[in-house]
Protein backbone atom coordinates (compact mmCIF):
# COMPACT_ATOMS: atom_id res chain seq x y z
CA MET A 1 13.33 13.29 -10.71
CA LYS A 2 12.03 14.52 -14.19
CA VAL A 3 8.29 14.69 -14.78
CA LYS A 4 6.91 15.05 -18.47
CA GLN A 5 3.46 15.04 -20.05
CA PHE A 6 3.28 12.02 -22.27
CA HIS A 7 1.30 12.92 -25.53
CA ASN A 8 -1.73 14.75 -23.50
CA ALA A 9 -2.47 16.40 -20.32
CA ASN A 10 -3.56 13.28 -18.23
CA HIS A 11 -0.44 11.01 -19.04
CA PHE A 12 2.97 11.31 -17.76
CA THR A 13 6.40 9.81 -17.66
CA ILE A 14 8.53 10.26 -14.56
CA GLU A 15 12.17 9.50 -14.77
CA TYR A 16 13.92 8.79 -11.59
CA ILE A 17 17.67 7.86 -11.14
CA ASP A 18 17.96 6.48 -7.45
CA ASP A 19 21.77 6.11 -7.78
CA GLU A 20 24.35 6.19 -10.62
CA ALA A 21 23.39 2.94 -11.89
CA THR A 22 19.63 2.42 -11.76
CA LYS A 23 17.27 4.40 -13.88
CA THR A 24 13.28 3.77 -13.52
CA THR A 25 10.91 5.47 -15.72
CA TYR A 26 7.30 5.35 -14.71
CA PHE A 27 4.31 5.66 -17.12
CA GLN A 28 1.21 7.14 -15.26
CA SER A 29 -2.38 7.72 -16.34
CA TYR A 30 -4.31 10.38 -14.56
CA ASN A 31 -3.25 9.40 -10.84
CA THR A 32 -2.53 5.60 -11.50
CA VAL A 33 1.05 4.38 -11.97
CA ILE A 34 0.38 1.84 -15.19
CA ALA A 35 3.93 0.42 -15.52
CA LYS A 36 7.47 1.25 -15.03
CA ILE A 37 10.90 0.35 -16.57
CA VAL A 38 13.92 -0.34 -14.55
CA GLN A 39 17.28 -0.39 -16.01
CA VAL A 40 20.41 -1.15 -13.99
CA ASN A 41 24.07 -0.35 -15.32
CA GLY A 42 22.71 0.12 -18.90
CA CYS A 43 21.77 -3.48 -19.22
CA TYR A 44 18.31 -4.76 -20.78
CA PRO A 45 15.55 -2.89 -19.29
CA VAL A 46 13.04 -4.85 -17.31
CA LEU A 47 9.10 -3.75 -17.57
CA TYR A 48 6.83 -4.09 -14.93
CA VAL A 49 3.07 -3.94 -15.59
CA GLY A 50 0.30 -3.05 -13.17
CA ASP A 51 -3.15 -4.42 -13.49
CA ALA A 52 -4.46 -1.10 -14.67
CA TRP A 53 -2.68 -1.12 -18.17
CA LYS A 54 -6.10 -2.09 -19.58
CA TYR A 55 -8.14 0.14 -17.60
CA SER A 56 -9.63 2.00 -20.56
CA GLN A 57 -9.29 2.44 -24.10
CA THR A 58 -7.58 5.76 -23.52
CA THR A 59 -5.08 4.10 -21.11
CA LEU A 60 -4.27 1.48 -23.46
CA LYS A 61 -3.62 3.77 -26.46
CA TYR A 62 -1.05 5.52 -24.23
CA PHE A 63 0.50 2.66 -22.83
CA TYR A 64 0.92 1.09 -26.25
CA LEU A 65 2.89 4.31 -27.15
CA PHE A 66 4.93 4.17 -23.92
CA ILE A 67 6.17 0.41 -24.48
CA SER A 68 6.75 1.54 -28.41
CA GLU A 69 8.61 4.58 -27.67
CA TYR A 70 10.64 3.61 -24.61
CA LEU A 71 11.37 -0.32 -25.30
CA HIS A 72 10.58 -0.75 -29.06
CA ILE A 73 7.78 -3.22 -28.29
CA ASN A 74 5.63 -2.75 -31.25
CA LEU A 75 2.51 -4.64 -31.29
CA THR A 76 1.46 -5.54 -34.66
CA THR A 77 -2.02 -7.41 -34.58
CA THR A 78 -5.39 -5.91 -34.87
CA ASN A 79 -5.96 -7.14 -31.36
CA LYS A 80 -3.24 -5.29 -29.46
CA LYS A 81 -4.74 -6.17 -26.03
CA LYS A 82 -4.76 -9.90 -26.64
CA GLU A 83 -1.35 -9.72 -28.16
CA PHE A 84 0.20 -7.90 -25.12
CA GLU A 85 -1.60 -10.16 -22.77
CA LYS A 86 0.14 -13.27 -24.37
CA ILE A 87 3.46 -11.24 -23.97
CA LEU A 88 2.72 -10.55 -20.34
CA ASP A 89 1.85 -14.18 -19.72
CA LYS A 90 5.08 -15.42 -21.09
CA GLY A 91 6.94 -12.91 -19.38
CA LEU A 92 9.46 -11.82 -22.29
CA TYR A 93 9.20 -10.14 -25.55
CA GLU A 94 11.81 -11.05 -28.16
CA LYS A 95 11.95 -9.69 -31.65
CA GLY A 96 15.03 -9.33 -33.57
CA ILE A 97 17.60 -7.75 -31.06
CA VAL A 98 14.86 -6.39 -28.89
CA TYR A 99 14.83 -8.31 -25.56
CA VAL A 100 12.70 -7.30 -22.70
CA PRO A 101 11.72 -9.41 -19.65
CA ILE A 102 8.27 -8.39 -18.49
CA VAL A 103 7.03 -8.59 -15.03
CA LYS A 104 3.38 -8.40 -13.49
CA ASP A 105 3.60 -5.84 -10.49
CA ASN A 106 0.90 -4.38 -8.34
CA MET A 107 2.69 -1.06 -8.67
CA GLU A 108 2.86 -0.21 -4.87
CA LYS A 109 5.52 2.13 -4.07
């Protein structure tokens, strides 16, 4: 398991490889897991998003950086929160060659 600060002291990524084929990367804000990316056998990653993703402006800022850097999900409108809510409701992000299934999750371990 690798824990790294993510752009500031209160946000982290935690990378966990539970076997040779499954890699999970968590995004944590303070003490709360906000999202995780699960990738099996190098296939398309799946983004799991907990309810806390929109907890505060600071959490939103770093959540958007996380999905941009790790999944190439780049929100382009001025209302990124509304844009991501539409993507989350659809359950899929598609743009060019980027294809990411997205699942609502309660982030219980």
